[in-house]
Amino acid sequence: MTDQDNYKQQLKEFYGSRTTYDHEKGTRHPLEAKLLLEFVPLNSGQKILDVATGTGLVAIAASEKVGSEGSVIGIDMTPEMLHQARLKIAAAKLQNIELVEADAEHFNFTDSSFDVVFCCEAIVLFTDILAIFQKWYRFLKPGGFVAFTCPPETAFMASLQQRICARVLGISLPHILEPLGTPEKCRNLLNQAGFRDIEIKIEPSGRYRPLRDNRLSEIVININFKGNPLLSKLSQEQLNQLQVEYKAEIEKLATEQGIWEDTTKLFVRAQK
């Protein structure tokens, strides 16, 4: 199994284990989906693609907006997430949603098939973001929209994780939030893919985490550094040292309420 295969497998395990995704403590998943949908004009009869649909938060709401004349396809590679989506779709008696279990990076649709392509929270997980933007550009009809959310590179303790990894490994690894970590980076990649009329909104948010959340599990390390080949060469001693240093840094940030974590998101929209 290659490092990238291992990375994809760990993504499936990480998200597959989250059986209460919609209601996780401190979560903003439903709100983020709602805000993303409000960022794009949806009309009856449109065809929508929801990439990394997960539990269907965007797909289900979009299906109600486009009505019986429209349709929604949700694609995701995690069967446990799609199971949650199917239960909600059945409960709502929706007939205009199709769910596809597949890796969106290796799955194709006919060119000019969709009016809107959504991707809520998951864009940073793709291994080649420019290539996925180019795919979505092809999938969209002329005048169609792409809309996604992503955290800035300063969110979710990213700089702290990167600093500690550099200290332990002696080399700086690119963090998962870097490629789209600023509005300028988002604009640049979307422009390269051919998109125009790019609009970006910043939605500040944050939360306190309990001090006991002071570990970086191996699966989180692997995801946050996108299965970087150097990670597979880490010794147990290095992994242990990474945990020791991370815990020490986290404890410096602790307050009576816990550890403050920036969860700000960029909401990005562009047109073909």
C-alpha atoms as a PDB file:
ATOM      1  CA  MET A   1       0.000   0.000   0.000  1.00  0.00           C
ATOM      2  CA  THR A   2       1.403   3.416  -0.972  1.00  0.00           C
ATOM      3  CA  ASP A   3       1.549   6.375   1.414  1.00  0.00           C
ATOM      4  CA  GLN A   4      -1.378   7.956  -0.467  1.00  0.00           C
ATOM      5  CA  ASP A   5      -3.421   4.737  -0.305  1.00  0.00           C
ATOM      6  CA  ASN A   6      -2.736   4.625   3.415  1.00  0.00           C
ATOM      7  CA  TYR A   7      -3.789   8.275   3.732  1.00  0.00           C
ATOM      8  CA  LYS A   8      -7.092   7.600   1.938  1.00  0.00           C
ATOM      9  CA  GLN A   9      -7.737   4.524   4.089  1.00  0.00           C
ATOM     10  CA  GLN A  10      -7.130   6.527   7.252  1.00  0.00           C
ATOM     11  CA  LEU A  11      -9.524   9.216   6.015  1.00  0.00           C
ATOM     12  CA  LYS A  12     -12.221   6.553   5.591  1.00  0.00           C
ATOM     13  CA  GLU A  13     -11.562   5.178   9.077  1.00  0.00           C
ATOM     14  CA  PHE A  14     -11.462   8.628  10.692  1.00  0.00           C
ATOM     15  CA  TYR A  15     -14.756   9.794   9.191  1.00  0.00           C
ATOM     16  CA  GLY A  16     -16.368   6.364   9.311  1.00  0.00           C
ATOM     17  CA  SER A  17     -15.993   6.322  13.090  1.00  0.00           C
ATOM     18  CA  ARG A  18     -17.885   9.608  13.527  1.00  0.00           C
ATOM     19  CA  THR A  19     -21.384   8.235  13.987  1.00  0.00           C
ATOM     20  CA  THR A  20     -22.689  11.453  15.573  1.00  0.00           C
ATOM     21  CA  TYR A  21     -21.060  13.808  13.045  1.00  0.00           C
ATOM     22  CA  ASP A  22     -24.056  16.163  12.785  1.00  0.00           C
ATOM     23  CA  HIS A  23     -24.203  16.627  16.555  1.00  0.00           C
ATOM     24  CA  GLU A  24     -20.576  16.416  17.725  1.00  0.00           C
ATOM     25  CA  LYS A  25     -19.808  18.586  20.738  1.00  0.00           C
ATOM     26  CA  GLY A  26     -19.014  22.136  19.674  1.00  0.00           C
ATOM     27  CA  THR A  27     -19.820  21.283  16.060  1.00  0.00           C
ATOM     28  CA  ARG A  28     -20.797  23.861  13.476  1.00  0.00           C
ATOM     29  CA  HIS A  29     -21.316  21.314  10.689  1.00  0.00           C
ATOM     30  CA  PRO A  30     -25.067  21.976  10.153  1.00  0.00           C
ATOM     31  CA  LEU A  31     -24.576  25.752  10.386  1.00  0.00           C
ATOM     32  CA  GLU A  32     -21.666  25.678   7.954  1.00  0.00           C
ATOM     33  CA  ALA A  33     -23.739  23.701   5.445  1.00  0.00           C
ATOM     34  CA  LYS A  34     -26.611  26.184   5.812  1.00  0.00           C
ATOM     35  CA  LEU A  35     -24.316  29.205   5.299  1.00  0.00           C
ATOM     36  CA  LEU A  36     -22.683  27.614   2.255  1.00  0.00           C
ATOM     37  CA  LEU A  37     -26.076  26.991   0.654  1.00  0.00           C
ATOM     38  CA  GLU A  38     -27.055  30.616   1.289  1.00  0.00           C
ATOM     39  CA  PHE A  39     -23.870  31.734  -0.497  1.00  0.00           C
ATOM     40  CA  VAL A  40     -25.073  30.411  -3.882  1.00  0.00           C
ATOM     41  CA  PRO A  41     -28.359  31.204  -5.679  1.00  0.00           C
ATOM     42  CA  LEU A  42     -30.240  27.907  -6.124  1.00  0.00           C
ATOM     43  CA  ASN A  43     -33.307  27.600  -8.324  1.00  0.00           C
ATOM     44  CA  SER A  44     -35.929  24.976  -9.028  1.00  0.00           C
ATOM     45  CA  GLY A  45     -34.850  22.440 -11.639  1.00  0.00           C
ATOM     46  CA  GLN A  46     -31.098  22.774 -11.183  1.00  0.00           C
ATOM     47  CA  LYS A  47     -28.645  19.871 -11.103  1.00  0.00           C
ATOM     48  CA  ILE A  48     -26.337  19.870  -8.073  1.00  0.00           C
ATOM     49  CA  LEU A  49     -23.183  17.901  -7.255  1.00  0.00           C
ATOM     50  CA  ASP A  50     -22.200  17.686  -3.585  1.00  0.00           C
ATOM     51  CA  VAL A  51     -18.622  16.410  -3.291  1.00  0.00           C
ATOM     52  CA  ALA A  52     -17.669  14.659  -0.031  1.00  0.00           C
ATOM     53  CA  THR A  53     -21.336  14.786   0.885  1.00  0.00           C
ATOM     54  CA  GLY A  54     -20.792  12.932   4.169  1.00  0.00           C
ATOM     55  CA  THR A  55     -24.073  12.753   6.082  1.00  0.00           C
ATOM     56  CA  GLY A  56     -25.842  14.760   3.369  1.00  0.00           C
ATOM     57  CA  LEU A  57     -26.109  18.081   5.200  1.00  0.00           C
ATOM     58  CA  VAL A  58     -25.688  20.092   1.984  1.00  0.00           C
ATOM     59  CA  ALA A  59     -27.232  17.567  -0.409  1.00  0.00           C
ATOM     60  CA  ILE A  60     -30.510  17.211   1.491  1.00  0.00           C
ATOM     61  CA  ALA A  61     -31.058  20.949   1.880  1.00  0.00           C
ATOM     62  CA  ALA A  62     -30.092  21.522  -1.771  1.00  0.00           C
ATOM     63  CA  SER A  63     -32.549  18.852  -2.932  1.00  0.00           C
ATOM     64  CA  GLU A  64     -35.379  20.689  -1.205  1.00  0.00           C
ATOM     65  CA  LYS A  65     -34.370  23.946  -2.917  1.00  0.00           C
ATOM     66  CA  VAL A  66     -34.157  22.532  -6.464  1.00  0.00           C
ATOM     67  CA  GLY A  67     -37.415  20.614  -6.043  1.00  0.00           C
ATOM     68  CA  SER A  68     -38.739  17.608  -7.939  1.00  0.00           C
ATOM     69  CA  GLU A  69     -37.679  19.115 -11.278  1.00  0.00           C
ATOM     70  CA  GLY A  70     -34.081  19.282 -10.082  1.00  0.00           C
ATOM     71  CA  SER A  71     -31.660  16.652  -8.851  1.00  0.00           C
ATOM     72  CA  VAL A  72     -28.713  16.221  -6.500  1.00  0.00           C
ATOM     73  CA  ILE A  73     -25.833  13.762  -6.626  1.00  0.00           C
ATOM     74  CA  GLY A  74     -23.811  13.324  -3.447  1.00  0.00           C
ATOM     75  CA  ILE A  75     -20.453  11.553  -3.713  1.00  0.00           C
ATOM     76  CA  ASP A  76     -18.402  10.272  -0.765  1.00  0.00           C
ATOM     77  CA  MET A  77     -15.973   7.408  -0.160  1.00  0.00           C
ATOM     78  CA  THR A  78     -17.058   6.685   3.433  1.00  0.00           C
ATOM     79  CA  PRO A  79     -19.864   4.089   3.625  1.00  0.00           C
ATOM     80  CA  GLU A  80     -20.694   4.862   7.269  1.00  0.00           C
ATOM     81  CA  MET A  81     -21.273   8.548   6.442  1.00  0.00           C
ATOM     82  CA  LEU A  82     -23.430   7.640   3.442  1.00  0.00           C
ATOM     83  CA  HIS A  83     -25.476   5.317   5.656  1.00  0.00           C
ATOM     84  CA  GLN A  84     -26.323   8.277   7.898  1.00  0.00           C
ATOM     85  CA  ALA A  85     -27.263  10.308   4.807  1.00  0.00           C
ATOM     86  CA  ARG A  86     -29.530   7.535   3.478  1.00  0.00           C
ATOM     87  CA  LEU A  87     -31.425   7.315   6.763  1.00  0.00           C
ATOM     88  CA  LYS A  88     -32.127  11.058   6.660  1.00  0.00           C
ATOM     89  CA  ILE A  89     -33.110  10.975   2.980  1.00  0.00           C
ATOM     90  CA  ALA A  90     -35.546   8.128   3.628  1.00  0.00           C
ATOM     91  CA  ALA A  91     -37.028   9.920   6.643  1.00  0.00           C
ATOM     92  CA  ALA A  92     -37.572  13.058   4.540  1.00  0.00           C
ATOM     93  CA  LYS A  93     -39.023  10.962   1.669  1.00  0.00           C
ATOM     94  CA  LEU A  94     -36.812  12.717  -0.880  1.00  0.00           C
ATOM     95  CA  GLN A  95     -36.790  11.247  -4.395  1.00  0.00           C
ATOM     96  CA  ASN A  96     -34.339  13.558  -6.167  1.00  0.00           C
ATOM     97  CA  ILE A  97     -31.031  12.590  -4.471  1.00  0.00           C
ATOM     98  CA  GLU A  98     -28.597   9.952  -5.683  1.00  0.00           C
ATOM     99  CA  LEU A  99     -25.660   8.924  -3.488  1.00  0.00           C
ATOM    100  CA  VAL A 100     -22.445   7.556  -5.007  1.00  0.00           C
ATOM    101  CA  GLU A 101     -19.841   5.723  -2.921  1.00  0.00           C
ATOM    102  CA  ALA A 102     -16.534   6.587  -4.601  1.00  0.00           C
ATOM    103  CA  ASP A 103     -13.307   8.558  -4.318  1.00  0.00           C
ATOM    104  CA  ALA A 104     -14.184  11.895  -5.934  1.00  0.00           C
ATOM    105  CA  GLU A 105     -10.590  12.385  -7.115  1.00  0.00           C
ATOM    106  CA  HIS A 106     -10.908   9.333  -9.385  1.00  0.00           C
ATOM    107  CA  PHE A 107     -14.576   9.581 -10.397  1.00  0.00           C
ATOM    108  CA  ASN A 108     -15.851  11.374 -13.476  1.00  0.00           C
ATOM    109  CA  PHE A 109     -19.130  12.873 -14.620  1.00  0.00           C
ATOM    110  CA  THR A 110     -20.030  14.129 -18.089  1.00  0.00           C
ATOM    111  CA  ASP A 111     -18.762  17.624 -18.898  1.00  0.00           C
ATOM    112  CA  SER A 112     -21.247  20.483 -18.367  1.00  0.00           C
ATOM    113  CA  SER A 113     -23.555  18.324 -16.220  1.00  0.00           C
ATOM    114  CA  PHE A 114     -24.145  20.528 -13.161  1.00  0.00           C
ATOM    115  CA  ASP A 115     -25.334  24.010 -12.269  1.00  0.00           C
ATOM    116  CA  VAL A 116     -23.499  24.011  -8.903  1.00  0.00           C
ATOM    117  CA  VAL A 117     -20.709  21.968  -7.333  1.00  0.00           C
ATOM    118  CA  PHE A 118     -20.574  22.134  -3.530  1.00  0.00           C
ATOM    119  CA  CYS A 119     -17.867  20.878  -1.185  1.00  0.00           C
ATOM    120  CA  CYS A 120     -18.413  21.636   2.492  1.00  0.00           C
ATOM    121  CA  GLU A 121     -15.419  21.233   4.854  1.00  0.00           C
ATOM    122  CA  ALA A 122     -13.591  18.583   2.808  1.00  0.00           C
ATOM    123  CA  ILE A 123     -11.701  20.417   0.055  1.00  0.00           C
ATOM    124  CA  VAL A 124      -8.439  20.463   2.048  1.00  0.00           C
ATOM    125  CA  LEU A 125      -8.452  16.644   2.185  1.00  0.00           C
ATOM    126  CA  PHE A 126      -7.880  16.193  -1.554  1.00  0.00           C
ATOM    127  CA  THR A 127      -4.368  15.266  -2.599  1.00  0.00           C
ATOM    128  CA  ASP A 128      -4.317  17.526  -5.699  1.00  0.00           C
ATOM    129  CA  ILE A 129      -6.562  20.556  -5.197  1.00  0.00           C
ATOM    130  CA  LEU A 130      -5.812  22.227  -8.536  1.00  0.00           C
ATOM    131  CA  ALA A 131      -6.696  18.994 -10.367  1.00  0.00           C
ATOM    132  CA  ILE A 132      -9.999  18.700  -8.485  1.00  0.00           C
ATOM    133  CA  PHE A 133     -10.847  22.329  -9.321  1.00  0.00           C
ATOM    134  CA  GLN A 134     -10.125  21.591 -12.990  1.00  0.00           C
ATOM    135  CA  LYS A 135     -12.438  18.573 -12.826  1.00  0.00           C
ATOM    136  CA  TRP A 136     -15.209  20.598 -11.259  1.00  0.00           C
ATOM    137  CA  TYR A 137     -14.761  23.287 -13.913  1.00  0.00           C
ATOM    138  CA  ARG A 138     -15.394  20.631 -16.586  1.00  0.00           C
ATOM    139  CA  PHE A 139     -18.406  19.221 -14.734  1.00  0.00           C
ATOM    140  CA  LEU A 140     -20.070  22.656 -14.528  1.00  0.00           C
ATOM    141  CA  LYS A 141     -22.310  24.183 -17.149  1.00  0.00           C
ATOM    142  CA  PRO A 142     -21.201  27.611 -18.449  1.00  0.00           C
ATOM    143  CA  GLY A 143     -22.187  30.159 -15.800  1.00  0.00           C
ATOM    144  CA  GLY A 144     -22.319  27.465 -13.106  1.00  0.00           C
ATOM    145  CA  PHE A 145     -20.962  27.947  -9.597  1.00  0.00           C
ATOM    146  CA  VAL A 146     -18.471  26.151  -7.401  1.00  0.00           C
ATOM    147  CA  ALA A 147     -18.778  26.794  -3.662  1.00  0.00           C
ATOM    148  CA  PHE A 148     -16.742  25.380  -0.795  1.00  0.00           C
ATOM    149  CA  THR A 149     -15.512  26.053   2.719  1.00  0.00           C
ATOM    150  CA  CYS A 150     -12.004  25.712   4.118  1.00  0.00           C
ATOM    151  CA  PRO A 151     -10.149  26.823   7.246  1.00  0.00           C
ATOM    152  CA  PRO A 152      -7.394  29.448   7.072  1.00  0.00           C
ATOM    153  CA  GLU A 153      -3.870  28.132   7.639  1.00  0.00           C
ATOM    154  CA  THR A 154      -3.896  29.698  11.131  1.00  0.00           C
ATOM    155  CA  ALA A 155      -6.859  27.584  12.338  1.00  0.00           C
ATOM    156  CA  PHE A 156      -7.051  24.273  14.223  1.00  0.00           C
ATOM    157  CA  MET A 157      -3.607  24.514  15.854  1.00  0.00           C
ATOM    158  CA  ALA A 158      -2.004  24.047  12.433  1.00  0.00           C
ATOM    159  CA  SER A 159       1.025  26.251  13.050  1.00  0.00           C
ATOM    160  CA  LEU A 160       1.632  24.600  16.438  1.00  0.00           C
ATOM    161  CA  GLN A 161       1.499  21.124  14.904  1.00  0.00           C
ATOM    162  CA  GLN A 162       3.832  22.172  12.117  1.00  0.00           C
ATOM    163  CA  ARG A 163       6.304  23.771  14.519  1.00  0.00           C
ATOM    164  CA  ILE A 164       6.475  20.691  16.732  1.00  0.00           C
ATOM    165  CA  CYS A 165       6.863  18.309  13.801  1.00  0.00           C
ATOM    166  CA  ALA A 166       9.698  20.478  12.460  1.00  0.00           C
ATOM    167  CA  ARG A 167      11.382  20.431  15.868  1.00  0.00           C
ATOM    168  CA  VAL A 168      11.134  16.646  16.251  1.00  0.00           C
ATOM    169  CA  LEU A 169      11.821  15.679  12.620  1.00  0.00           C
ATOM    170  CA  GLY A 170      14.276  18.421  11.764  1.00  0.00           C
ATOM    171  CA  ILE A 171      12.285  19.290   8.631  1.00  0.00           C
ATOM    172  CA  SER A 172       9.157  21.345   7.965  1.00  0.00           C
ATOM    173  CA  LEU A 173       6.275  19.348   6.462  1.00  0.00           C
ATOM    174  CA  PRO A 174       3.493  21.039   4.442  1.00  0.00           C
ATOM    175  CA  HIS A 175       0.303  21.125   6.519  1.00  0.00           C
ATOM    176  CA  ILE A 176      -3.067  20.170   5.052  1.00  0.00           C
ATOM    177  CA  LEU A 177      -4.379  23.743   5.541  1.00  0.00           C
ATOM    178  CA  GLU A 178      -1.584  25.447   3.586  1.00  0.00           C
ATOM    179  CA  PRO A 179      -2.705  25.126  -0.082  1.00  0.00           C
ATOM    180  CA  LEU A 180      -5.984  27.041   0.494  1.00  0.00           C
ATOM    181  CA  GLY A 181      -4.992  28.731   3.745  1.00  0.00           C
ATOM    182  CA  THR A 182      -5.515  32.359   2.664  1.00  0.00           C
ATOM    183  CA  PRO A 183      -8.020  34.129   0.393  1.00  0.00           C
ATOM    184  CA  GLU A 184      -5.137  34.867  -1.991  1.00  0.00           C
ATOM    185  CA  LYS A 185      -4.249  31.169  -2.271  1.00  0.00           C
ATOM    186  CA  CYS A 186      -7.893  30.269  -2.942  1.00  0.00           C
ATOM    187  CA  ARG A 187      -8.117  32.912  -5.666  1.00  0.00           C
ATOM    188  CA  ASN A 188      -4.868  31.790  -7.258  1.00  0.00           C
ATOM    189  CA  LEU A 189      -5.850  28.123  -7.574  1.00  0.00           C
ATOM    190  CA  LEU A 190      -9.369  28.925  -8.783  1.00  0.00           C
ATOM    191  CA  ASN A 191      -7.959  31.334 -11.387  1.00  0.00           C
ATOM    192  CA  GLN A 192      -5.540  28.654 -12.571  1.00  0.00           C
ATOM    193  CA  ALA A 193      -8.491  26.291 -13.035  1.00  0.00           C
ATOM    194  CA  GLY A 194     -10.307  28.900 -15.160  1.00  0.00           C
ATOM    195  CA  PHE A 195     -12.857  30.246 -12.671  1.00  0.00           C
ATOM    196  CA  ARG A 196     -13.932  33.894 -12.515  1.00  0.00           C
ATOM    197  CA  ASP A 197     -15.986  36.208 -10.278  1.00  0.00           C
ATOM    198  CA  ILE A 198     -14.435  34.753  -7.130  1.00  0.00           C
ATOM    199  CA  GLU A 199     -16.022  35.867  -3.878  1.00  0.00           C
ATOM    200  CA  ILE A 200     -14.670  34.971  -0.424  1.00  0.00           C
ATOM    201  CA  LYS A 201     -16.250  35.569   2.977  1.00  0.00           C
ATOM    202  CA  ILE A 202     -14.480  35.001   6.285  1.00  0.00           C
ATOM    203  CA  GLU A 203     -16.645  33.607   9.099  1.00  0.00           C
ATOM    204  CA  PRO A 204     -14.700  33.901  12.379  1.00  0.00           C
ATOM    205  CA  SER A 205     -15.388  31.242  15.007  1.00  0.00           C
ATOM    206  CA  GLY A 206     -13.653  29.403  17.821  1.00  0.00           C
ATOM    207  CA  ARG A 207     -14.197  27.071  20.749  1.00  0.00           C
ATOM    208  CA  TYR A 208     -12.631  25.928  23.999  1.00  0.00           C
ATOM    209  CA  ARG A 209     -11.334  22.373  24.051  1.00  0.00           C
ATOM    210  CA  PRO A 210     -10.784  20.495  27.330  1.00  0.00           C
ATOM    211  CA  LEU A 211      -7.160  20.200  28.412  1.00  0.00           C
ATOM    212  CA  ARG A 212      -7.402  16.402  28.186  1.00  0.00           C
ATOM    213  CA  ASP A 213      -7.416  16.803  24.371  1.00  0.00           C
ATOM    214  CA  ASN A 214      -3.648  17.108  24.436  1.00  0.00           C
ATOM    215  CA  ARG A 215      -2.688  14.237  22.153  1.00  0.00           C
ATOM    216  CA  LEU A 216      -2.073  14.105  18.430  1.00  0.00           C
ATOM    217  CA  SER A 217      -3.072  10.600  17.396  1.00  0.00           C
ATOM    218  CA  GLU A 218      -1.078   8.948  14.620  1.00  0.00           C
ATOM    219  CA  ILE A 219      -4.133   9.005  12.334  1.00  0.00           C
ATOM    220  CA  VAL A 220      -4.594  12.775  12.891  1.00  0.00           C
ATOM    221  CA  ILE A 221      -0.887  13.403  12.250  1.00  0.00           C
ATOM    222  CA  ASN A 222      -1.100  11.407   9.023  1.00  0.00           C
ATOM    223  CA  ILE A 223      -4.222  13.262   7.849  1.00  0.00           C
ATOM    224  CA  ASN A 224      -2.941  16.713   8.822  1.00  0.00           C
ATOM    225  CA  PHE A 225       0.215  16.162   6.786  1.00  0.00           C
ATOM    226  CA  LYS A 226      -1.591  14.308   3.951  1.00  0.00           C
ATOM    227  CA  GLY A 227       0.242  11.019   4.357  1.00  0.00           C
ATOM    228  CA  ASN A 228       3.641  12.628   3.753  1.00  0.00           C
ATOM    229  CA  PRO A 229       6.138   9.795   3.000  1.00  0.00           C
ATOM    230  CA  LEU A 230       8.413  11.016   5.799  1.00  0.00           C
ATOM    231  CA  LEU A 231       5.751  10.087   8.352  1.00  0.00           C
ATOM    232  CA  SER A 232       6.051   6.388   7.562  1.00  0.00           C
ATOM    233  CA  LYS A 233       9.730   6.587   8.499  1.00  0.00           C
ATOM    234  CA  LEU A 234       9.111   7.956  12.007  1.00  0.00           C
ATOM    235  CA  SER A 235      10.485   5.832  14.832  1.00  0.00           C
ATOM    236  CA  GLN A 236       8.432   5.091  17.930  1.00  0.00           C
ATOM    237  CA  GLU A 237      10.864   7.285  19.839  1.00  0.00           C
ATOM    238  CA  GLN A 238      10.129  10.219  17.517  1.00  0.00           C
ATOM    239  CA  LEU A 239       6.373   9.653  17.804  1.00  0.00           C
ATOM    240  CA  ASN A 240       6.660   9.604  21.585  1.00  0.00           C
ATOM    241  CA  GLN A 241       8.754  12.791  21.552  1.00  0.00           C
ATOM    242  CA  LEU A 242       6.199  14.498  19.318  1.00  0.00           C
ATOM    243  CA  GLN A 243       3.440  13.710  21.839  1.00  0.00           C
ATOM    244  CA  VAL A 244       5.536  14.950  24.773  1.00  0.00           C
ATOM    245  CA  GLU A 245       6.279  18.262  23.056  1.00  0.00           C
ATOM    246  CA  TYR A 246       2.717  18.730  21.817  1.00  0.00           C
ATOM    247  CA  LYS A 247       1.333  18.133  25.307  1.00  0.00           C
ATOM    248  CA  ALA A 248       3.798  20.636  26.801  1.00  0.00           C
ATOM    249  CA  GLU A 249       2.831  23.307  24.247  1.00  0.00           C
ATOM    250  CA  ILE A 250      -0.902  22.683  24.708  1.00  0.00           C
ATOM    251  CA  GLU A 251      -0.598  23.001  28.484  1.00  0.00           C
ATOM    252  CA  LYS A 252       0.974  26.451  28.045  1.00  0.00           C
ATOM    253  CA  LEU A 253      -2.217  27.550  26.246  1.00  0.00           C
ATOM    254  CA  ALA A 254      -4.626  26.233  28.881  1.00  0.00           C
ATOM    255  CA  THR A 255      -7.033  28.537  30.690  1.00  0.00           C
ATOM    256  CA  GLU A 256      -9.779  27.822  33.213  1.00  0.00           C
ATOM    257  CA  GLN A 257     -12.179  27.308  30.282  1.00  0.00           C
ATOM    258  CA  GLY A 258      -9.820  25.030  28.377  1.00  0.00           C
ATOM    259  CA  ILE A 259      -7.688  25.528  25.279  1.00  0.00           C
ATOM    260  CA  TRP A 260      -8.897  28.090  22.764  1.00  0.00           C
ATOM    261  CA  GLU A 261      -9.009  26.727  19.213  1.00  0.00           C
ATOM    262  CA  ASP A 262      -9.619  28.930  16.185  1.00  0.00           C
ATOM    263  CA  THR A 263     -12.260  27.309  13.940  1.00  0.00           C
ATOM    264  CA  THR A 264     -12.655  30.197  11.473  1.00  0.00           C
ATOM    265  CA  LYS A 265     -13.771  29.232   7.943  1.00  0.00           C
ATOM    266  CA  LEU A 266     -13.441  30.767   4.526  1.00  0.00           C
ATOM    267  CA  PHE A 267     -16.586  30.569   2.383  1.00  0.00           C
ATOM    268  CA  VAL A 268     -15.570  30.621  -1.265  1.00  0.00           C
ATOM    269  CA  ARG A 269     -17.672  30.962  -4.411  1.00  0.00           C
ATOM    270  CA  ALA A 270     -16.604  31.186  -8.060  1.00  0.00           C
ATOM    271  CA  GLN A 271     -18.217  30.949 -11.470  1.00  0.00           C
ATOM    272  CA  LYS A 272     -17.384  29.174 -14.709  1.00  0.00           C
END
